[in-house]
């Protein structure tokens, strides 16, 4: 029928927010989401938010953008490392070394985490 597209091997088709297809590279599926998160953090970084503000920004930005895609698609290890690096850079404004470990930062607030 006219208007029907049959995807080739390696071509991703978006269905309900998930990218499916035969032989689709997972990193290619994640590239637009990574760019969206990077742009999101860059915009918010120009506002110079407090640490509490940065925590909220990370939860609604990288957390929100990646959560559904991770659930339906899975997250490659390389993407996880890239997102962790972007979040660390955003939280500490590229300071090195960072004042606290990521493990300490991830703790609940009543245990000293952010």
PDB file of N, CA and C in Angstrom:
ATOM      1  N   UNK A   1       0.824  -1.200   0.000  1.00  0.00           N
ATOM      2  CA  UNK A   1       0.000   0.000   0.000  1.00  0.00           C
ATOM      3  C   UNK A   1       0.868   1.265   0.000  1.00  0.00           C
ATOM      4  N   UNK A   2       0.315   2.270  -0.564  1.00  0.00           N
ATOM      5  CA  UNK A   2       1.008   3.544  -0.643  1.00  0.00           C
ATOM      6  C   UNK A   2       1.166   4.163   0.752  1.00  0.00           C
ATOM      7  N   UNK A   3       2.317   4.784   1.012  1.00  0.00           N
ATOM      8  CA  UNK A   3       2.550   5.437   2.296  1.00  0.00           C
ATOM      9  C   UNK A   3       3.120   4.525   3.369  1.00  0.00           C
ATOM     10  N   UNK A   4       3.361   3.257   3.044  1.00  0.00           N
ATOM     11  CA  UNK A   4       3.936   2.324   4.016  1.00  0.00           C
ATOM     12  C   UNK A   4       5.432   2.224   3.751  1.00  0.00           C
ATOM     13  N   UNK A   5       6.197   2.319   4.820  1.00  0.00           N
ATOM     14  CA  UNK A   5       7.649   2.230   4.708  1.00  0.00           C
ATOM     15  C   UNK A   5       8.114   0.979   5.446  1.00  0.00           C
ATOM     16  N   UNK A   6       8.881   0.159   4.781  1.00  0.00           N
ATOM     17  CA  UNK A   6       9.460  -1.027   5.408  1.00  0.00           C
ATOM     18  C   UNK A   6      10.929  -0.713   5.686  1.00  0.00           C
ATOM     19  N   UNK A   7      11.290  -0.772   6.945  1.00  0.00           N
ATOM     20  CA  UNK A   7      12.649  -0.424   7.358  1.00  0.00           C
ATOM     21  C   UNK A   7      13.645  -1.475   6.890  1.00  0.00           C
ATOM     22  N   UNK A   8      14.796  -0.996   6.446  1.00  0.00           N
ATOM     23  CA  UNK A   8      15.890  -1.887   6.041  1.00  0.00           C
ATOM     24  C   UNK A   8      16.654  -2.338   7.278  1.00  0.00           C
ATOM     25  N   UNK A   9      17.483  -3.359   7.136  1.00  0.00           N
ATOM     26  CA  UNK A   9      18.356  -3.792   8.232  1.00  0.00           C
ATOM     27  C   UNK A   9      19.235  -2.622   8.656  1.00  0.00           C
ATOM     28  N   UNK A  10      19.334  -2.419   9.955  1.00  0.00           N
ATOM     29  CA  UNK A  10      20.148  -1.341  10.500  1.00  0.00           C
ATOM     30  C   UNK A  10      19.433  -0.012  10.593  1.00  0.00           C
ATOM     31  N   UNK A  11      18.228   0.072  10.074  1.00  0.00           N
ATOM     32  CA  UNK A  11      17.451   1.314  10.122  1.00  0.00           C
ATOM     33  C   UNK A  11      16.512   1.272  11.323  1.00  0.00           C
ATOM     34  N   UNK A  12      16.588   2.293  12.152  1.00  0.00           N
ATOM     35  CA  UNK A  12      15.737   2.359  13.343  1.00  0.00           C
ATOM     36  C   UNK A  12      14.410   3.027  13.004  1.00  0.00           C
ATOM     37  N   UNK A  13      13.349   2.497  13.583  1.00  0.00           N
ATOM     38  CA  UNK A  13      12.012   3.067  13.433  1.00  0.00           C
ATOM     39  C   UNK A  13      11.502   3.380  14.830  1.00  0.00           C
ATOM     40  N   UNK A  14      10.975   4.580  14.999  1.00  0.00           N
ATOM     41  CA  UNK A  14      10.497   4.981  16.325  1.00  0.00           C
ATOM     42  C   UNK A  14       9.058   4.518  16.521  1.00  0.00           C
ATOM     43  N   UNK A  15       8.856   3.757  17.599  1.00  0.00           N
ATOM     44  CA  UNK A  15       7.526   3.268  17.959  1.00  0.00           C
ATOM     45  C   UNK A  15       7.328   3.530  19.443  1.00  0.00           C
ATOM     46  N   UNK A  16       6.378   4.392  19.777  1.00  0.00           N
ATOM     47  CA  UNK A  16       6.083   4.750  21.169  1.00  0.00           C
ATOM     48  C   UNK A  16       7.333   5.185  21.934  1.00  0.00           C
ATOM     49  N   UNK A  17       8.196   5.947  21.281  1.00  0.00           N
ATOM     50  CA  UNK A  17       9.387   6.473  21.932  1.00  0.00           C
ATOM     51  C   UNK A  17      10.584   5.547  21.924  1.00  0.00           C
ATOM     52  N   UNK A  18      10.395   4.303  21.537  1.00  0.00           N
ATOM     53  CA  UNK A  18      11.509   3.350  21.469  1.00  0.00           C
ATOM     54  C   UNK A  18      11.955   3.238  20.013  1.00  0.00           C
ATOM     55  N   UNK A  19      13.225   3.002  19.821  1.00  0.00           N
ATOM     56  CA  UNK A  19      13.772   2.825  18.485  1.00  0.00           C
ATOM     57  C   UNK A  19      14.011   1.336  18.265  1.00  0.00           C
ATOM     58  N   UNK A  20      13.297   0.770  17.326  1.00  0.00           N
ATOM     59  CA  UNK A  20      13.412  -0.660  17.061  1.00  0.00           C
ATOM     60  C   UNK A  20      13.834  -0.886  15.619  1.00  0.00           C
ATOM     61  N   UNK A  21      14.420  -2.032  15.394  1.00  0.00           N
ATOM     62  CA  UNK A  21      14.834  -2.402  14.058  1.00  0.00           C
ATOM     63  C   UNK A  21      15.836  -3.537  14.133  1.00  0.00           C
ATOM     64  N   UNK A  22      16.055  -4.181  13.024  1.00  0.00           N
ATOM     65  CA  UNK A  22      16.977  -5.301  12.947  1.00  0.00           C
ATOM     66  C   UNK A  22      18.393  -4.773  12.745  1.00  0.00           C
ATOM     67  N   UNK A  23      19.277  -5.066  13.690  1.00  0.00           N
ATOM     68  CA  UNK A  23      20.672  -4.650  13.561  1.00  0.00           C
ATOM     69  C   UNK A  23      20.906  -3.173  13.831  1.00  0.00           C
ATOM     70  N   UNK A  24      20.071  -2.556  14.639  1.00  0.00           N
ATOM     71  CA  UNK A  24      20.215  -1.135  14.954  1.00  0.00           C
ATOM     72  C   UNK A  24      21.314  -0.943  15.994  1.00  0.00           C
ATOM     73  N   UNK A  25      22.207   0.011  15.753  1.00  0.00           N
ATOM     74  CA  UNK A  25      23.267   0.324  16.714  1.00  0.00           C
ATOM     75  C   UNK A  25      22.673   1.126  17.858  1.00  0.00           C
ATOM     76  N   UNK A  26      22.865   0.641  19.082  1.00  0.00           N
ATOM     77  CA  UNK A  26      22.298   1.311  20.249  1.00  0.00           C
ATOM     78  C   UNK A  26      22.869   2.708  20.443  1.00  0.00           C
ATOM     79  N   UNK A  27      24.136   2.908  20.149  1.00  0.00           N
ATOM     80  CA  UNK A  27      24.730   4.234  20.331  1.00  0.00           C
ATOM     81  C   UNK A  27      24.064   5.249  19.404  1.00  0.00           C
ATOM     82  N   UNK A  28      23.665   4.809  18.218  1.00  0.00           N
ATOM     83  CA  UNK A  28      22.974   5.709  17.290  1.00  0.00           C
ATOM     84  C   UNK A  28      21.608   6.112  17.833  1.00  0.00           C
ATOM     85  N   UNK A  29      20.955   5.205  18.534  1.00  0.00           N
ATOM     86  CA  UNK A  29      19.662   5.493  19.145  1.00  0.00           C
ATOM     87  C   UNK A  29      19.826   6.541  20.241  1.00  0.00           C
ATOM     88  N   UNK A  30      20.914   6.472  20.980  1.00  0.00           N
ATOM     89  CA  UNK A  30      21.147   7.356  22.118  1.00  0.00           C
ATOM     90  C   UNK A  30      21.740   8.704  21.743  1.00  0.00           C
ATOM     91  N   UNK A  31      22.312   8.850  20.560  1.00  0.00           N
ATOM     92  CA  UNK A  31      22.976  10.092  20.175  1.00  0.00           C
ATOM     93  C   UNK A  31      22.068  11.318  20.286  1.00  0.00           C
ATOM     94  N   UNK A  32      20.828  11.296  19.779  1.00  0.00           N
ATOM     95  CA  UNK A  32      19.964  12.479  19.934  1.00  0.00           C
ATOM     96  C   UNK A  32      19.641  12.792  21.400  1.00  0.00           C
ATOM     97  N   UNK A  33      19.460  11.769  22.220  1.00  0.00           N
ATOM     98  CA  UNK A  33      19.160  11.991  23.643  1.00  0.00           C
ATOM     99  C   UNK A  33      20.360  12.613  24.347  1.00  0.00           C
ATOM    100  N   UNK A  34      21.561  12.159  24.029  1.00  0.00           N
ATOM    101  CA  UNK A  34      22.773  12.721  24.633  1.00  0.00           C
ATOM    102  C   UNK A  34      22.919  14.188  24.245  1.00  0.00           C
ATOM    103  N   UNK A  35      22.668  14.494  22.976  1.00  0.00           N
ATOM    104  CA  UNK A  35      22.750  15.890  22.527  1.00  0.00           C
ATOM    105  C   UNK A  35      21.709  16.742  23.246  1.00  0.00           C
ATOM    106  N   UNK A  36      20.509  16.225  23.376  1.00  0.00           N
ATOM    107  CA  UNK A  36      19.439  16.960  24.058  1.00  0.00           C
ATOM    108  C   UNK A  36      19.816  17.236  25.520  1.00  0.00           C
ATOM    109  N   UNK A  37      20.382  16.250  26.192  1.00  0.00           N
ATOM    110  CA  UNK A  37      20.805  16.413  27.589  1.00  0.00           C
ATOM    111  C   UNK A  37      21.955  17.411  27.685  1.00  0.00           C
ATOM    112  N   UNK A  38      22.918  17.311  26.783  1.00  0.00           N
ATOM    113  CA  UNK A  38      24.061  18.239  26.790  1.00  0.00           C
ATOM    114  C   UNK A  38      23.575  19.679  26.602  1.00  0.00           C
ATOM    115  N   UNK A  39      22.675  19.895  25.652  1.00  0.00           N
ATOM    116  CA  UNK A  39      22.127  21.231  25.410  1.00  0.00           C
ATOM    117  C   UNK A  39      21.337  21.727  26.615  1.00  0.00           C
ATOM    118  N   UNK A  40      20.558  20.844  27.220  1.00  0.00           N
ATOM    119  CA  UNK A  40      19.758  21.177  28.401  1.00  0.00           C
ATOM    120  C   UNK A  40      20.663  21.660  29.537  1.00  0.00           C
ATOM    121  N   UNK A  41      21.719  20.900  29.829  1.00  0.00           N
ATOM    122  CA  UNK A  41      22.638  21.271  30.908  1.00  0.00           C
ATOM    123  C   UNK A  41      23.393  22.558  30.582  1.00  0.00           C
ATOM    124  N   UNK A  42      23.724  22.745  29.336  1.00  0.00           N
ATOM    125  CA  UNK A  42      24.423  23.960  28.923  1.00  0.00           C
ATOM    126  C   UNK A  42      23.546  25.194  29.147  1.00  0.00           C
ATOM    127  N   UNK A  43      22.282  25.101  28.761  1.00  0.00           N
ATOM    128  CA  UNK A  43      21.351  26.230  28.973  1.00  0.00           C
ATOM    129  C   UNK A  43      21.214  26.554  30.448  1.00  0.00           C
ATOM    130  N   UNK A  44      20.987  25.527  31.260  1.00  0.00           N
ATOM    131  CA  UNK A  44      20.797  25.748  32.692  1.00  0.00           C
ATOM    132  C   UNK A  44      22.083  26.189  33.377  1.00  0.00           C
ATOM    133  N   UNK A  45      23.217  25.771  32.875  1.00  0.00           N
ATOM    134  CA  UNK A  45      24.491  26.155  33.467  1.00  0.00           C
ATOM    135  C   UNK A  45      24.752  27.649  33.374  1.00  0.00           C
ATOM    136  N   UNK A  46      24.198  28.300  32.353  1.00  0.00           N
ATOM    137  CA  UNK A  46      24.384  29.744  32.195  1.00  0.00           C
ATOM    138  C   UNK A  46      23.685  30.543  33.291  1.00  0.00           C
ATOM    139  N   UNK A  47      22.761  29.915  34.020  1.00  0.00           N
ATOM    140  CA  UNK A  47      22.019  30.593  35.098  1.00  0.00           C
ATOM    141  C   UNK A  47      22.764  30.560  36.425  1.00  0.00           C
ATOM    142  N   UNK A  48      23.847  29.813  36.508  1.00  0.00           N
ATOM    143  CA  UNK A  48      24.640  29.653  37.735  1.00  0.00           C
ATOM    144  C   UNK A  48      23.775  29.238  38.926  1.00  0.00           C
ATOM    145  N   UNK A  49      23.088  28.097  38.817  1.00  0.00           N
ATOM    146  CA  UNK A  49      22.217  27.654  39.916  1.00  0.00           C
ATOM    147  C   UNK A  49      23.013  27.192  41.138  1.00  0.00           C
ATOM    148  N   UNK A  50      22.342  27.174  42.284  1.00  0.00           N
ATOM    149  CA  UNK A  50      22.942  26.654  43.516  1.00  0.00           C
ATOM    150  C   UNK A  50      23.071  25.137  43.401  1.00  0.00           C
ATOM    151  N   UNK A  51      23.717  24.515  44.386  1.00  0.00           N
ATOM    152  CA  UNK A  51      23.842  23.050  44.372  1.00  0.00           C
ATOM    153  C   UNK A  51      22.472  22.388  44.426  1.00  0.00           C
ATOM    154  N   UNK A  52      21.572  22.924  45.241  1.00  0.00           N
ATOM    155  CA  UNK A  52      20.215  22.374  45.299  1.00  0.00           C
ATOM    156  C   UNK A  52      19.500  22.534  43.968  1.00  0.00           C
ATOM    157  N   UNK A  53      19.700  23.672  43.330  1.00  0.00           N
ATOM    158  CA  UNK A  53      19.117  23.902  42.009  1.00  0.00           C
ATOM    159  C   UNK A  53      19.686  22.952  40.978  1.00  0.00           C
ATOM    160  N   UNK A  54      20.996  22.737  41.042  1.00  0.00           N
ATOM    161  CA  UNK A  54      21.638  21.804  40.106  1.00  0.00           C
ATOM    162  C   UNK A  54      21.097  20.396  40.289  1.00  0.00           C
ATOM    163  N   UNK A  55      20.859  20.015  41.542  1.00  0.00           N
ATOM    164  CA  UNK A  55      20.300  18.684  41.805  1.00  0.00           C
ATOM    165  C   UNK A  55      18.948  18.543  41.110  1.00  0.00           C
ATOM    166  N   UNK A  56      18.088  19.548  41.264  1.00  0.00           N
ATOM    167  CA  UNK A  56      16.763  19.506  40.628  1.00  0.00           C
ATOM    168  C   UNK A  56      16.877  19.496  39.113  1.00  0.00           C
ATOM    169  N   UNK A  57      17.800  20.278  38.585  1.00  0.00           N
ATOM    170  CA  UNK A  57      18.002  20.343  37.136  1.00  0.00           C
ATOM    171  C   UNK A  57      18.443  18.985  36.599  1.00  0.00           C
ATOM    172  N   UNK A  58      19.366  18.323  37.298  1.00  0.00           N
ATOM    173  CA  UNK A  58      19.838  16.999  36.868  1.00  0.00           C
ATOM    174  C   UNK A  58      18.703  15.984  36.931  1.00  0.00           C
ATOM    175  N   UNK A  59      17.866  16.069  37.962  1.00  0.00           N
ATOM    176  CA  UNK A  59      16.755  15.121  38.082  1.00  0.00           C
ATOM    177  C   UNK A  59      15.748  15.305  36.951  1.00  0.00           C
ATOM    178  N   UNK A  60      15.422  16.560  36.616  1.00  0.00           N
ATOM    179  CA  UNK A  60      14.397  16.763  35.589  1.00  0.00           C
ATOM    180  C   UNK A  60      14.972  16.681  34.177  1.00  0.00           C
ATOM    181  N   UNK A  61      16.255  16.972  33.996  1.00  0.00           N
ATOM    182  CA  UNK A  61      16.861  16.943  32.668  1.00  0.00           C
ATOM    183  C   UNK A  61      17.395  15.576  32.316  1.00  0.00           C
ATOM    184  N   UNK A  62      18.661  15.312  32.670  1.00  0.00           N
ATOM    185  CA  UNK A  62      19.236  14.005  32.337  1.00  0.00           C
ATOM    186  C   UNK A  62      18.415  12.836  32.885  1.00  0.00           C
ATOM    187  N   UNK A  63      17.890  12.983  34.098  1.00  0.00           N
ATOM    188  CA  UNK A  63      17.079  11.908  34.678  1.00  0.00           C
ATOM    189  C   UNK A  63      15.804  11.665  33.893  1.00  0.00           C
ATOM    190  N   UNK A  64      15.080  12.739  33.621  1.00  0.00           N
ATOM    191  CA  UNK A  64      13.805  12.611  32.918  1.00  0.00           C
ATOM    192  C   UNK A  64      13.951  12.192  31.470  1.00  0.00           C
ATOM    193  N   UNK A  65      14.934  12.778  30.793  1.00  0.00           N
ATOM    194  CA  UNK A  65      15.125  12.483  29.370  1.00  0.00           C
ATOM    195  C   UNK A  65      15.564  11.034  29.166  1.00  0.00           C
ATOM    196  N   UNK A  66      16.426  10.550  30.041  1.00  0.00           N
ATOM    197  CA  UNK A  66      16.988   9.211  29.839  1.00  0.00           C
ATOM    198  C   UNK A  66      16.147   8.085  30.444  1.00  0.00           C
ATOM    199  N   UNK A  67      15.277   8.402  31.384  1.00  0.00           N
ATOM    200  CA  UNK A  67      14.575   7.345  32.123  1.00  0.00           C
ATOM    201  C   UNK A  67      13.722   6.447  31.223  1.00  0.00           C
ATOM    202  N   UNK A  68      12.855   7.030  30.417  1.00  0.00           N
ATOM    203  CA  UNK A  68      11.979   6.209  29.579  1.00  0.00           C
ATOM    204  C   UNK A  68      12.789   5.446  28.528  1.00  0.00           C
ATOM    205  N   UNK A  69      13.719   6.151  27.882  1.00  0.00           N
ATOM    206  CA  UNK A  69      14.512   5.491  26.844  1.00  0.00           C
ATOM    207  C   UNK A  69      15.314   4.330  27.422  1.00  0.00           C
ATOM    208  N   UNK A  70      15.823   4.493  28.637  1.00  0.00           N
ATOM    209  CA  UNK A  70      16.555   3.407  29.292  1.00  0.00           C
ATOM    210  C   UNK A  70      15.637   2.227  29.564  1.00  0.00           C
ATOM    211  N   UNK A  71      14.416   2.514  29.981  1.00  0.00           N
ATOM    212  CA  UNK A  71      13.456   1.450  30.280  1.00  0.00           C
ATOM    213  C   UNK A  71      13.117   0.639  29.035  1.00  0.00           C
ATOM    214  N   UNK A  72      12.840   1.325  27.930  1.00  0.00           N
ATOM    215  CA  UNK A  72      12.397   0.603  26.732  1.00  0.00           C
ATOM    216  C   UNK A  72      13.550   0.134  25.854  1.00  0.00           C
ATOM    217  N   UNK A  73      14.716   0.783  25.981  1.00  0.00           N
ATOM    218  CA  UNK A  73      15.804   0.512  25.061  1.00  0.00           C
ATOM    219  C   UNK A  73      17.008  -0.133  25.729  1.00  0.00           C
ATOM    220  N   UNK A  74      17.162   0.111  27.022  1.00  0.00           N
ATOM    221  CA  UNK A  74      18.403  -0.265  27.683  1.00  0.00           C
ATOM    222  C   UNK A  74      19.433   0.829  27.446  1.00  0.00           C
ATOM    223  N   UNK A  75      20.442   0.885  28.299  1.00  0.00           N
ATOM    224  CA  UNK A  75      21.463   1.924  28.154  1.00  0.00           C
ATOM    225  C   UNK A  75      22.839   1.284  28.022  1.00  0.00           C
ATOM    226  N   UNK A  76      23.508   1.518  26.903  1.00  0.00           N
ATOM    227  CA  UNK A  76      24.862   0.993  26.746  1.00  0.00           C
ATOM    228  C   UNK A  76      25.805   1.590  27.793  1.00  0.00           C
ATOM    229  N   UNK A  77      26.802   0.844  28.177  1.00  0.00           N
ATOM    230  CA  UNK A  77      27.772   1.285  29.186  1.00  0.00           C
ATOM    231  C   UNK A  77      28.441   2.592  28.777  1.00  0.00           C
ATOM    232  N   UNK A  78      28.731   2.748  27.498  1.00  0.00           N
ATOM    233  CA  UNK A  78      29.387   3.975  27.032  1.00  0.00           C
ATOM    234  C   UNK A  78      28.498   5.193  27.249  1.00  0.00           C
ATOM    235  N   UNK A  79      27.200   5.026  27.076  1.00  0.00           N
ATOM    236  CA  UNK A  79      26.255   6.125  27.291  1.00  0.00           C
ATOM    237  C   UNK A  79      26.188   6.461  28.775  1.00  0.00           C
ATOM    238  N   UNK A  80      26.154   5.446  29.613  1.00  0.00           N
ATOM    239  CA  UNK A  80      26.128   5.676  31.061  1.00  0.00           C
ATOM    240  C   UNK A  80      27.359   6.469  31.502  1.00  0.00           C
ATOM    241  N   UNK A  81      28.518   6.101  30.992  1.00  0.00           N
ATOM    242  CA  UNK A  81      29.750   6.820  31.337  1.00  0.00           C
ATOM    243  C   UNK A  81      29.693   8.265  30.856  1.00  0.00           C
ATOM    244  N   UNK A  82      29.189   8.467  29.655  1.00  0.00           N
ATOM    245  CA  UNK A  82      29.084   9.817  29.092  1.00  0.00           C
ATOM    246  C   UNK A  82      28.126  10.683  29.911  1.00  0.00           C
ATOM    247  N   UNK A  83      26.982  10.128  30.297  1.00  0.00           N
ATOM    248  CA  UNK A  83      26.022  10.883  31.108  1.00  0.00           C
ATOM    249  C   UNK A  83      26.596  11.206  32.484  1.00  0.00           C
ATOM    250  N   UNK A  84      27.281  10.258  33.101  1.00  0.00           N
ATOM    251  CA  UNK A  84      27.907  10.496  34.406  1.00  0.00           C
ATOM    252  C   UNK A  84      28.926  11.620  34.306  1.00  0.00           C
ATOM    253  N   UNK A  85      29.699  11.610  33.244  1.00  0.00           N
ATOM    254  CA  UNK A  85      30.703  12.642  33.016  1.00  0.00           C
ATOM    255  C   UNK A  85      30.049  14.019  32.835  1.00  0.00           C
ATOM    256  N   UNK A  86      28.965  14.075  32.064  1.00  0.00           N
ATOM    257  CA  UNK A  86      28.265  15.342  31.847  1.00  0.00           C
ATOM    258  C   UNK A  86      27.666  15.869  33.147  1.00  0.00           C
ATOM    259  N   UNK A  87      27.077  14.986  33.941  1.00  0.00           N
ATOM    260  CA  UNK A  87      26.468  15.397  35.212  1.00  0.00           C
ATOM    261  C   UNK A  87      27.546  15.887  36.171  1.00  0.00           C
ATOM    262  N   UNK A  88      28.635  15.154  36.272  1.00  0.00           N
ATOM    263  CA  UNK A  88      29.739  15.562  37.150  1.00  0.00           C
ATOM    264  C   UNK A  88      30.265  16.936  36.730  1.00  0.00           C
ATOM    265  N   UNK A  89      30.450  17.134  35.450  1.00  0.00           N
ATOM    266  CA  UNK A  89      30.943  18.405  34.928  1.00  0.00           C
ATOM    267  C   UNK A  89      29.968  19.539  35.241  1.00  0.00           C
ATOM    268  N   UNK A  90      28.675  19.281  35.092  1.00  0.00           N
ATOM    269  CA  UNK A  90      27.653  20.290  35.381  1.00  0.00           C
ATOM    270  C   UNK A  90      27.615  20.619  36.868  1.00  0.00           C
ATOM    271  N   UNK A  91      27.620  19.595  37.704  1.00  0.00           N
ATOM    272  CA  UNK A  91      27.515  19.809  39.151  1.00  0.00           C
ATOM    273  C   UNK A  91      28.708  20.588  39.697  1.00  0.00           C
ATOM    274  N   UNK A  92      29.890  20.317  39.192  1.00  0.00           N
ATOM    275  CA  UNK A  92      31.100  20.925  39.756  1.00  0.00           C
ATOM    276  C   UNK A  92      31.745  21.940  38.828  1.00  0.00           C
ATOM    277  N   UNK A  93      31.055  22.320  37.769  1.00  0.00           N
ATOM    278  CA  UNK A  93      31.541  23.339  36.825  1.00  0.00           C
ATOM    279  C   UNK A  93      32.975  23.064  36.381  1.00  0.00           C
ATOM    280  N   UNK A  94      33.217  21.818  36.025  1.00  0.00           N
ATOM    281  CA  UNK A  94      34.519  21.369  35.503  1.00  0.00           C
ATOM    282  C   UNK A  94      35.670  21.510  36.499  1.00  0.00           C
ATOM    283  N   UNK A  95      35.367  21.682  37.786  1.00  0.00           N
ATOM    284  CA  UNK A  95      36.437  21.735  38.796  1.00  0.00           C
ATOM    285  C   UNK A  95      37.068  20.360  38.924  1.00  0.00           C
ATOM    286  N   UNK A  96      38.365  20.362  39.131  1.00  0.00           N
ATOM    287  CA  UNK A  96      39.053  19.091  39.311  1.00  0.00           C
ATOM    288  C   UNK A  96      40.122  19.270  40.369  1.00  0.00           C
ATOM    289  N   UNK A  97      40.234  18.422  41.341  1.00  0.00           N
ATOM    290  CA  UNK A  97      39.347  17.289  41.608  1.00  0.00           C
ATOM    291  C   UNK A  97      38.045  17.767  42.240  1.00  0.00           C
ATOM    292  N   UNK A  98      37.019  16.933  42.114  1.00  0.00           N
ATOM    293  CA  UNK A  98      35.736  17.313  42.697  1.00  0.00           C
ATOM    294  C   UNK A  98      35.807  17.163  44.215  1.00  0.00           C
ATOM    295  N   UNK A  99      35.092  18.036  44.950  1.00  0.00           N
ATOM    296  CA  UNK A  99      35.192  18.044  46.414  1.00  0.00           C
ATOM    297  C   UNK A  99      34.702  16.781  47.117  1.00  0.00           C
ATOM    298  N   UNK A 100      33.697  16.106  46.551  1.00  0.00           N
ATOM    299  CA  UNK A 100      33.203  14.874  47.174  1.00  0.00           C
ATOM    300  C   UNK A 100      33.080  13.794  46.113  1.00  0.00           C
ATOM    301  N   UNK A 101      33.084  12.558  46.541  1.00  0.00           N
ATOM    302  CA  UNK A 101      32.976  11.451  45.582  1.00  0.00           C
ATOM    303  C   UNK A 101      31.551  11.366  45.040  1.00  0.00           C
ATOM    304  N   UNK A 102      31.421  10.760  43.889  1.00  0.00           N
ATOM    305  CA  UNK A 102      30.093  10.571  43.303  1.00  0.00           C
ATOM    306  C   UNK A 102      29.245   9.679  44.201  1.00  0.00           C
ATOM    307  N   UNK A 103      29.861   8.693  44.858  1.00  0.00           N
ATOM    308  CA  UNK A 103      29.112   7.824  45.774  1.00  0.00           C
ATOM    309  C   UNK A 103      28.503   8.635  46.907  1.00  0.00           C
ATOM    310  N   UNK A 104      29.269   9.579  47.453  1.00  0.00           N
ATOM    311  CA  UNK A 104      28.750  10.431  48.527  1.00  0.00           C
ATOM    312  C   UNK A 104      27.635  11.328  48.003  1.00  0.00           C
ATOM    313  N   UNK A 105      27.788  11.806  46.795  1.00  0.00           N
ATOM    314  CA  UNK A 105      26.781  12.680  46.201  1.00  0.00           C
ATOM    315  C   UNK A 105      25.462  11.943  45.972  1.00  0.00           C
ATOM    316  N   UNK A 106      25.529  10.661  45.646  1.00  0.00           N
ATOM    317  CA  UNK A 106      24.329   9.874  45.355  1.00  0.00           C
ATOM    318  C   UNK A 106      23.585   9.415  46.604  1.00  0.00           C
ATOM    319  N   UNK A 107      24.176   9.572  47.771  1.00  0.00           N
ATOM    320  CA  UNK A 107      23.507   9.141  49.008  1.00  0.00           C
ATOM    321  C   UNK A 107      22.235   9.950  49.237  1.00  0.00           C
ATOM    322  N   UNK A 108      21.311   9.410  50.031  1.00  0.00           N
ATOM    323  CA  UNK A 108      20.121  10.188  50.396  1.00  0.00           C
ATOM    324  C   UNK A 108      20.534  11.465  51.140  1.00  0.00           C
ATOM    325  N   UNK A 109      19.703  12.495  51.063  1.00  0.00           N
ATOM    326  CA  UNK A 109      20.050  13.777  51.683  1.00  0.00           C
ATOM    327  C   UNK A 109      20.247  13.658  53.185  1.00  0.00           C
ATOM    328  N   UNK A 110      19.483  12.775  53.846  1.00  0.00           N
ATOM    329  CA  UNK A 110      19.653  12.633  55.296  1.00  0.00           C
ATOM    330  C   UNK A 110      20.964  11.932  55.665  1.00  0.00           C
ATOM    331  N   UNK A 111      21.655  11.384  54.657  1.00  0.00           N
ATOM    332  CA  UNK A 111      22.967  10.769  54.882  1.00  0.00           C
ATOM    333  C   UNK A 111      24.092  11.633  54.307  1.00  0.00           C
ATOM    334  N   UNK A 112      23.769  12.882  53.964  1.00  0.00           N
ATOM    335  CA  UNK A 112      24.788  13.810  53.479  1.00  0.00           C
ATOM    336  C   UNK A 112      24.915  13.919  51.979  1.00  0.00           C
ATOM    337  N   UNK A 113      24.073  13.218  51.246  1.00  0.00           N
ATOM    338  CA  UNK A 113      24.131  13.296  49.788  1.00  0.00           C
ATOM    339  C   UNK A 113      23.339  14.473  49.258  1.00  0.00           C
ATOM    340  N   UNK A 114      23.408  14.650  47.964  1.00  0.00           N
ATOM    341  CA  UNK A 114      22.656  15.724  47.330  1.00  0.00           C
ATOM    342  C   UNK A 114      21.338  15.187  46.827  1.00  0.00           C
TER     343      UNK A 114
END
